[in-house]
Protein backbone atom coordinates (compact mmCIF):
# COMPACT_ATOMS: atom_id res chain seq x y z
CA MET A 1 21.84 -51.38 15.25
CA ASN A 2 23.41 -48.46 17.10
CA ILE A 3 24.66 -48.45 20.67
CA MET A 4 22.25 -48.00 23.56
CA ASN A 5 23.08 -45.07 25.79
CA PRO A 6 23.21 -45.90 29.54
CA LYS A 7 21.52 -42.55 30.32
CA VAL A 8 18.51 -43.68 28.30
CA ASP A 9 18.59 -47.05 30.12
CA ALA A 10 18.30 -45.10 33.38
CA PHE A 11 15.46 -42.96 31.97
CA LEU A 12 13.55 -46.08 30.91
CA SER A 13 14.05 -47.85 34.23
CA LYS A 14 12.50 -44.84 36.04
CA ALA A 15 9.59 -44.33 33.62
CA LYS A 16 6.37 -44.82 35.57
CA LYS A 17 4.18 -44.74 32.48
CA TRP A 18 4.69 -45.78 28.85
CA GLN A 19 7.74 -47.93 29.64
CA GLU A 20 6.83 -50.71 27.19
CA GLU A 21 5.97 -48.16 24.48
CA PHE A 22 9.22 -46.24 25.03
CA LYS A 23 11.26 -49.45 24.72
CA LYS A 24 9.56 -50.38 21.45
CA LEU A 25 10.05 -46.88 19.99
CA ARG A 26 13.69 -46.97 21.10
CA MET A 27 14.37 -50.22 19.25
CA ILE A 28 12.69 -48.98 16.07
CA ILE A 29 14.66 -45.72 16.10
CA LEU A 30 17.99 -47.41 16.86
CA GLU A 31 17.42 -49.80 13.94
CA CYS A 32 17.39 -46.70 11.70
CA GLY A 33 21.01 -45.91 12.61
CA LEU A 34 20.65 -42.80 14.76
CA THR A 35 22.82 -41.95 17.79
CA GLU A 36 21.02 -42.20 21.12
CA GLU A 37 21.38 -39.40 23.69
CA LEU A 38 19.44 -37.99 26.62
CA LYS A 39 18.52 -34.32 26.10
CA TRP A 40 15.90 -32.22 27.90
CA GLY A 41 15.42 -35.23 30.15
CA VAL A 42 14.12 -37.47 27.32
CA PRO A 43 15.64 -39.88 24.78
CA CYS A 44 16.84 -37.89 21.76
CA TYR A 45 18.21 -39.39 18.55
CA THR A 46 20.71 -37.55 16.39
CA TYR A 47 22.34 -37.74 12.99
CA GLN A 48 25.84 -36.24 12.98
CA LYS A 49 25.00 -34.27 16.16
CA SER A 50 21.77 -32.83 14.70
CA ASN A 51 18.58 -33.67 16.60
CA VAL A 52 16.26 -35.75 14.43
CA VAL A 53 13.68 -37.36 16.69
CA LEU A 54 12.87 -37.74 20.37
CA ILE A 55 10.55 -39.82 22.50
CA HIS A 56 8.36 -38.29 25.17
CA GLY A 57 5.37 -39.17 27.28
CA PHE A 58 2.32 -37.30 28.49
CA LYS A 59 -0.65 -38.23 30.64
CA GLU A 60 -2.88 -39.31 27.75
CA TYR A 61 -0.29 -40.53 25.23
CA CYS A 62 3.37 -41.08 24.41
CA ALA A 63 4.87 -39.77 21.20
CA ILE A 64 7.75 -39.71 18.81
CA LEU A 65 8.58 -36.10 17.92
CA PHE A 66 10.26 -35.23 14.65
CA VAL A 67 12.31 -32.09 15.32
CA LYS A 68 11.87 -30.87 11.73
CA GLY A 69 8.57 -32.67 11.20
CA VAL A 70 7.11 -29.74 9.30
CA LEU A 71 9.54 -30.60 6.46
CA LEU A 72 8.34 -34.22 6.17
CA LYS A 73 5.89 -35.16 3.40
CA ASP A 74 3.49 -36.91 5.86
CA THR A 75 2.08 -39.20 3.16
CA LYS A 76 -0.03 -41.04 5.76
CA GLY A 77 -1.42 -37.84 7.35
CA ILE A 78 -0.35 -38.91 10.85
CA LEU A 79 1.84 -36.03 11.99
CA ILE A 80 0.37 -33.81 14.69
CA ARG A 81 1.33 -30.25 15.61
CA GLN A 82 1.75 -30.37 19.39
CA THR A 83 0.47 -26.82 20.04
CA GLU A 84 -0.69 -23.93 17.87
CA ASN A 85 2.63 -22.15 18.47
CA THR A 86 4.81 -25.11 17.46
CA GLN A 87 6.56 -24.22 14.21
CA ALA A 88 8.91 -27.09 13.33
CA GLY A 89 8.20 -30.20 15.40
CA ARG A 90 5.53 -32.76 14.61
CA GLN A 91 4.45 -35.79 16.66
CA ILE A 92 3.06 -39.23 16.06
CA ARG A 93 1.07 -40.22 19.16
CA PHE A 94 0.43 -43.63 20.69
CA THR A 95 -1.63 -45.06 23.52
CA SER A 96 -0.39 -48.68 23.32
CA ALA A 97 2.62 -50.76 22.32
CA ARG A 98 0.36 -52.63 19.87
CA GLU A 99 -0.17 -49.39 17.88
CA ILE A 100 3.61 -48.92 17.67
CA ILE A 101 4.19 -52.52 16.53
CA GLU A 102 1.51 -52.17 13.83
CA MET A 103 3.04 -48.90 12.60
CA GLU A 104 6.68 -50.03 12.64
CA PRO A 105 7.22 -49.95 8.83
CA VAL A 106 5.58 -46.51 8.58
CA LEU A 107 7.60 -45.18 11.53
CA LYS A 108 10.84 -46.39 9.96
CA ALA A 109 9.91 -44.72 6.66
CA TYR A 110 9.24 -41.41 8.45
CA ILE A 111 12.49 -41.69 10.45
CA HIS A 112 14.48 -42.39 7.29
CA GLU A 113 12.84 -39.39 5.61
CA ALA A 114 13.79 -37.24 8.64
CA ILE A 115 17.40 -38.44 8.33
CA GLU A 116 17.34 -37.48 4.63
CA VAL A 117 16.11 -33.99 5.64
CA GLU A 118 19.21 -33.69 7.86
CA LYS A 119 21.56 -35.07 5.20
CA ALA A 120 20.19 -32.51 2.72
CA GLY A 121 20.79 -29.71 5.25
CA LEU A 122 17.19 -28.50 5.01
CA LYS A 123 16.21 -25.70 7.40
CA VAL A 124 12.83 -24.75 8.82
CA ASP A 125 11.71 -21.26 7.83
CA PHE A 126 10.75 -19.97 11.27
CA LYS A 127 8.36 -17.10 11.77
CA LYS A 128 10.41 -14.06 12.80
CA THR A 129 9.86 -12.53 16.24
CA THR A 130 8.92 -9.26 14.50
CA GLU A 131 6.01 -11.08 12.83
CA TYR A 132 4.32 -11.67 16.21
CA THR A 133 1.90 -9.04 17.49
CA ILE A 134 3.05 -7.54 20.77
CA PRO A 135 0.05 -7.21 23.10
CA GLU A 136 -1.01 -3.62 23.75
CA GLU A 137 -0.35 -3.94 27.50
CA PHE A 138 3.28 -4.90 26.89
CA GLN A 139 3.79 -2.35 24.10
CA THR A 140 2.64 0.42 26.48
CA LYS A 141 5.25 -0.63 29.05
CA LEU A 142 7.96 -0.77 26.36
CA ASP A 143 7.02 2.74 25.21
CA GLU A 144 7.00 4.10 28.79
CA ASN A 145 10.23 2.43 29.88
CA PRO A 146 13.26 2.73 27.52
CA ALA A 147 15.36 0.48 29.78
CA LEU A 148 12.73 -2.27 29.46
CA LYS A 149 12.68 -1.90 25.67
CA THR A 150 16.50 -2.08 25.52
CA ALA A 151 16.53 -5.16 27.78
CA PHE A 152 13.78 -6.87 25.74
CA ASP A 153 15.54 -6.10 22.44
CA ALA A 154 18.74 -7.63 23.86
CA LEU A 155 17.03 -10.99 24.55
CA THR A 156 17.40 -13.84 22.06
CA PRO A 157 14.56 -14.16 19.54
CA GLY A 158 13.35 -17.33 21.28
CA ARG A 159 13.13 -15.58 24.65
CA GLN A 160 11.33 -12.64 23.06
CA ARG A 161 8.84 -15.02 21.42
CA ALA A 162 8.23 -16.84 24.72
CA TYR A 163 7.34 -13.57 26.45
CA ILE A 164 5.13 -12.36 23.59
CA LEU A 165 3.21 -15.66 23.52
CA TYR A 166 2.91 -15.71 27.32
CA PHE A 167 1.67 -12.11 27.47
CA SER A 168 -0.76 -12.67 24.56
CA ALA A 169 -2.39 -15.84 25.88
CA PRO A 170 -4.95 -14.44 28.38
CA LYS A 171 -8.27 -13.19 27.04
CA GLN A 172 -8.60 -10.41 29.63
CA SER A 173 -6.49 -7.27 29.46
CA LYS A 174 -6.18 -7.25 33.25
CA THR A 175 -4.51 -10.68 33.21
CA ARG A 176 -2.17 -9.68 30.36
CA GLU A 177 -1.23 -6.55 32.31
CA SER A 178 -0.56 -8.60 35.45
CA ARG A 179 1.73 -10.97 33.54
CA VAL A 180 3.69 -8.08 32.08
CA GLU A 181 4.11 -6.49 35.54
CA LYS A 182 5.32 -9.77 37.05
CA CYS A 183 7.90 -10.31 34.29
CA MET A 184 9.33 -6.80 33.92
CA GLN A 185 12.18 -7.26 36.41
CA GLN A 186 13.11 -10.60 34.87
CA ILE A 187 13.34 -8.95 31.43
CA LEU A 188 15.39 -6.08 32.90
CA ASN A 189 17.72 -8.74 34.35
CA GLY A 190 18.21 -10.20 30.86
CA LYS A 191 16.41 -13.43 31.73
CA GLY A 192 14.00 -15.46 29.63
CA LEU A 193 10.57 -16.51 30.80
CA ASN A 194 11.81 -19.91 31.98
CA ASP A 195 15.32 -18.97 33.15
C-alpha cells in the first residue's frame, strides 16, 4: 500500500458529507499503488506524476473520476459522463459505503486498467476548439472588434472553449448577448472565464 498524504488526511477530516465513502475509496485506490496528492481541492491519485483518478463529492452522490475514463473499456457499463461537454473524464457514482464495498473488485479492475492506459502513454483525442460553433452574438462582436478577436485568439484553447460553451448555453439570444458583453473586457485583458 502507498503512503497516505497528510493533505488528504486534512481534507477527509473536514469533509461534512461522504466521509465514510471517501475513506473507503481512498483505501481501495491506495491498494492499487497510486501516489496520493491533493489537487483542485480534492484527493487525486497519480502514476508517475500523471493524474489517473480522483475522488469528489456532490450533493446527491460521491464519485471516483477517471481522468482518461473515455479510454477505458467499461465492460460493466458503469462509467458516467459528468456533463455533455466532458470529453475525457468518466465517473462511477456512489450514494453509500456499502455500494463501494460491494464494487471493490470491479473498482480495482477499472483502476488497474486506468494505470495501464497511463503506462501505454495513451492520449485522449480532444475535440479541437475550431470544431465548436461560435454563437452568432459572439461572432458579430469578434467581426466588429479586431482587438477582441486578437485577444480571443491569443487565449489557450481551453479558455476559448470555456467562453464558447458559456456563450452558447442560453436559449435566448438576448442572454447570449448579455454574457458576451459582460465578458468582453475580461477577454481583452487576456483572462479566462474563471480567472
